[in-house]
Amino acid sequence: MRLLMIWLLALPAVLLAGCDKRSEPRGQEKTQANNKSQTSSEDIILESANGMSAVLSYTYQGSEAPSGTFTGADGRDVSLSDFAGRPLLVNIWATWCAPCKAEMPTIDALAEIEAGTMSVIAVSQDLQGRAPVLDFFKQSGIRNLEPYTDEDNMLLSHFGGISLPTTILYDSGGKEVWRVQGGLEWNDEEVAGLLREAG
């Protein structure tokens, strides 16, 4: 599979491959009211062989990871700083988001490939908590990811205008390297090259 990378001169206001307010379930409209793509002229379109497309951005490179907490599978509070010491890939998603679900098996595969080298986590923004996440993981055969949940939408609040899915790469010091908005095949060979940018 090859990813096609194209330098953008400009992007339309509509995000190419993400979930927006129209695809949300009831009760999640308020937290997603400002859920729009933030792009710049330095953004890059990534296209997977299966037709998924996303936008790669270095706009926030060097930004600190948020300090708030979300919930682990055992109910404990977890923060991104808990993963310090090696690179971290954070996928922000929801079970009501079709591109999120489409890319999740490849994120699961990536978690297995990168085990011991990089932490790969997926944090659900479902307001209903763990139940829909566990159901989806079971139905999809997700084995390498812990069902992290963020019912308070701490991550969405911190990042402001992101759409789902958004995946952010941090280096071992907790600084952002890049972010991708939209779905991808995360176990693609060319994605592996992007991941090495975390050092």
Protein backbone atom coordinates (compact mmCIF):
# COMPACT_ATOMS: atom_id res chain seq x y z
CA MET A 1 0.00 0.00 0.00
CA ARG A 2 1.28 3.43 -0.83
CA LEU A 3 0.34 6.74 0.67
CA LEU A 4 0.09 9.60 -1.76
CA MET A 5 1.43 12.83 -0.23
CA ILE A 6 0.43 16.10 -1.86
CA TRP A 7 1.47 19.57 -0.69
CA LEU A 8 -1.62 21.70 -0.28
CA LEU A 9 -1.91 25.20 -1.60
CA ALA A 10 -5.30 25.61 0.02
CA LEU A 11 -8.01 23.47 1.56
CA PRO A 12 -11.76 23.94 1.47
CA ALA A 13 -13.46 24.54 4.79
CA VAL A 14 -14.89 21.03 4.77
CA LEU A 15 -12.59 18.39 6.24
CA LEU A 16 -11.86 15.69 3.72
CA ALA A 17 -12.40 12.58 5.78
CA GLY A 18 -13.52 13.27 9.30
CA CYS A 19 -16.65 13.16 11.40
CA ASP A 20 -18.44 16.41 11.91
CA LYS A 21 -21.50 17.59 13.79
CA ARG A 22 -23.91 15.96 11.34
CA SER A 23 -22.61 12.48 12.15
CA GLU A 24 -22.83 12.79 15.93
CA PRO A 25 -25.35 11.04 18.11
CA ARG A 26 -27.74 13.11 20.19
CA GLY A 27 -26.21 14.49 23.35
CA GLN A 28 -22.80 15.07 21.84
CA GLU A 29 -23.64 18.20 19.82
CA LYS A 30 -22.50 20.64 22.51
CA THR A 31 -19.02 19.20 22.92
CA GLN A 32 -18.52 19.13 19.16
CA ALA A 33 -20.07 22.46 18.21
CA ASN A 34 -16.73 23.91 17.09
CA ASN A 35 -15.42 20.66 15.61
CA LYS A 36 -13.94 22.00 12.35
CA SER A 37 -10.71 21.38 10.54
CA GLN A 38 -7.76 23.64 11.27
CA THR A 39 -5.47 23.63 8.27
CA SER A 40 -2.69 25.74 6.83
CA SER A 41 -0.82 26.06 3.56
CA GLU A 42 1.84 23.71 4.97
CA ASP A 43 -0.58 20.82 5.41
CA ILE A 44 -0.19 17.62 3.43
CA ILE A 45 -2.95 15.34 2.12
CA LEU A 46 -2.34 11.65 2.83
CA GLU A 47 -4.28 9.11 0.78
CA SER A 48 -4.30 5.41 1.60
CA ALA A 49 -4.62 2.76 -1.07
CA ASN A 50 -8.08 1.87 0.28
CA GLY A 51 -9.38 5.38 -0.45
CA MET A 52 -9.16 6.88 3.04
CA SER A 53 -7.68 10.35 3.13
CA ALA A 54 -6.41 12.61 5.88
CA VAL A 55 -4.52 15.84 6.46
CA LEU A 56 -1.03 15.81 8.02
CA SER A 57 -0.12 19.03 9.85
CA TYR A 58 3.03 20.29 11.57
CA THR A 59 1.30 23.52 12.67
CA TYR A 60 1.46 22.65 16.39
CA GLN A 61 4.88 20.99 16.37
CA GLY A 62 6.61 21.50 19.72
CA SER A 63 3.37 22.02 21.68
CA GLU A 64 3.12 20.34 25.08
CA ALA A 65 0.74 17.40 25.54
CA PRO A 66 -2.39 18.28 27.56
CA SER A 67 -2.18 17.60 31.29
CA GLY A 68 -5.80 16.54 31.92
CA THR A 69 -6.92 12.99 32.64
CA PHE A 70 -9.06 10.36 30.96
CA THR A 71 -10.09 6.88 32.13
CA GLY A 72 -8.31 3.54 31.82
CA ALA A 73 -10.00 0.16 31.42
CA ASP A 74 -9.80 -0.43 35.18
CA GLY A 75 -11.37 2.96 36.00
CA ARG A 76 -8.12 4.65 37.00
CA ASP A 77 -7.26 8.20 35.96
CA VAL A 78 -4.68 8.29 33.17
CA SER A 79 -2.80 11.22 31.64
CA LEU A 80 -0.59 11.45 28.57
CA SER A 81 2.38 12.11 30.87
CA ASP A 82 2.00 8.53 32.13
CA PHE A 83 3.45 7.45 28.78
CA ALA A 84 6.53 9.71 28.97
CA GLY A 85 9.93 8.27 28.12
CA ARG A 86 9.17 7.02 24.64
CA PRO A 87 7.20 8.27 21.63
CA LEU A 88 3.41 8.24 21.94
CA LEU A 89 0.75 8.05 19.23
CA VAL A 90 -2.67 9.19 20.50
CA ASN A 91 -5.78 8.47 18.44
CA ILE A 92 -8.84 10.54 19.40
CA TRP A 93 -11.96 8.80 18.14
CA ALA A 94 -15.58 7.76 18.84
CA THR A 95 -17.70 4.72 18.04
CA TRP A 96 -20.25 6.90 16.17
CA CYS A 97 -17.54 8.07 13.74
CA ALA A 98 -17.33 5.90 10.59
CA PRO A 99 -13.75 6.87 9.57
CA CYS A 100 -12.65 6.25 13.18
CA LYS A 101 -14.02 2.72 13.09
CA ALA A 102 -12.61 2.07 9.62
CA GLU A 103 -9.03 2.88 10.66
CA MET A 104 -9.14 1.26 14.12
CA PRO A 105 -8.05 -2.25 13.04
CA THR A 106 -4.92 -0.72 11.48
CA ILE A 107 -4.19 1.25 14.66
CA ASP A 108 -4.56 -2.00 16.58
CA ALA A 109 -2.09 -3.65 14.18
CA LEU A 110 0.29 -0.71 14.60
CA ALA A 111 0.14 -1.07 18.40
CA GLU A 112 1.39 -4.64 18.00
CA ILE A 113 4.10 -3.66 15.48
CA GLU A 114 5.40 -0.80 17.66
CA ALA A 115 5.16 -2.61 21.04
CA GLY A 116 8.30 -1.85 23.04
CA THR A 117 9.27 1.08 20.81
CA MET A 118 6.30 3.44 20.91
CA SER A 119 3.09 3.63 22.94
CA VAL A 120 -0.03 3.57 20.74
CA ILE A 121 -3.30 4.48 22.45
CA ALA A 122 -6.86 5.23 21.33
CA VAL A 123 -9.01 7.47 23.54
CA SER A 124 -12.75 7.37 22.89
CA GLN A 125 -14.81 10.56 23.13
CA ASP A 126 -18.10 8.65 23.55
CA LEU A 127 -20.23 10.26 26.24
CA GLN A 128 -21.66 6.83 27.09
CA GLY A 129 -18.32 5.65 28.49
CA ARG A 130 -16.79 2.22 28.10
CA ALA A 131 -19.79 0.12 27.00
CA PRO A 132 -19.89 1.11 23.30
CA VAL A 133 -16.09 0.98 23.12
CA LEU A 134 -15.92 -2.53 24.56
CA ASP A 135 -18.67 -3.67 22.19
CA PHE A 136 -16.85 -2.24 19.18
CA PHE A 137 -13.48 -3.68 20.24
CA LYS A 138 -15.04 -7.11 20.67
CA GLN A 139 -16.89 -7.03 17.33
CA SER A 140 -13.80 -5.78 15.49
CA GLY A 141 -11.28 -8.12 17.12
CA ILE A 142 -9.24 -5.28 18.65
CA ARG A 143 -6.66 -7.00 20.89
CA ASN A 144 -3.71 -4.64 21.34
CA LEU A 145 -5.42 -1.43 22.47
CA GLU A 146 -6.76 -0.62 25.91
CA PRO A 147 -10.29 0.87 25.86
CA TYR A 148 -9.41 4.35 27.16
CA THR A 149 -12.39 6.70 27.47
CA ASP A 150 -12.76 10.46 27.84
CA GLU A 151 -16.42 11.03 28.71
CA ASP A 152 -15.69 14.63 29.73
CA ASN A 153 -14.13 15.27 26.30
CA MET A 154 -11.01 16.71 27.95
CA LEU A 155 -8.93 16.05 24.84
CA LEU A 156 -11.48 17.66 22.51
CA SER A 157 -11.70 20.69 24.79
CA HIS A 158 -7.91 21.03 24.87
CA PHE A 159 -7.42 20.76 21.12
CA GLY A 160 -10.40 22.95 20.22
CA GLY A 161 -11.21 22.72 16.54
CA ILE A 162 -10.27 19.14 15.70
CA SER A 163 -12.45 16.66 13.87
CA LEU A 164 -12.53 12.94 14.46
CA PRO A 165 -10.49 10.94 14.02
CA THR A 166 -7.44 12.97 14.95
CA THR A 167 -4.16 11.22 15.68
CA ILE A 168 -1.25 13.05 17.30
CA LEU A 169 2.38 11.94 17.53
CA TYR A 170 4.40 13.05 20.57
CA ASP A 171 8.12 12.58 21.07
CA SER A 172 9.51 10.97 24.23
CA GLY A 173 9.54 14.37 25.96
CA GLY A 174 5.81 14.95 25.43
CA LYS A 175 6.18 17.48 22.59
CA GLU A 176 3.92 17.28 19.55
CA VAL A 177 5.61 16.19 16.31
CA TRP A 178 2.59 16.25 13.99
CA ARG A 179 -1.12 15.52 13.87
CA VAL A 180 -3.33 13.78 11.31
CA GLN A 181 -7.02 14.59 10.87
CA GLY A 182 -8.97 11.91 9.04
CA GLY A 183 -8.64 8.16 8.63
CA LEU A 184 -5.53 6.29 7.45
CA GLU A 185 -4.11 2.82 7.14
CA TRP A 186 -1.77 3.10 10.11
CA ASN A 187 0.15 -0.11 9.41
CA ASP A 188 1.27 1.21 6.00
CA GLU A 189 5.03 1.26 5.31
CA GLU A 190 5.07 4.98 4.55
CA VAL A 191 3.29 5.74 7.82
CA ALA A 192 6.19 3.95 9.53
CA GLY A 193 8.48 6.63 8.07
CA LEU A 194 6.31 9.38 9.55
CA LEU A 195 6.41 7.68 12.96
CA ARG A 196 10.22 7.72 12.96
CA GLU A 197 10.03 11.53 13.06
CA ALA A 198 9.42 11.19 16.81
CA GLY A 199 13.07 10.14 17.18
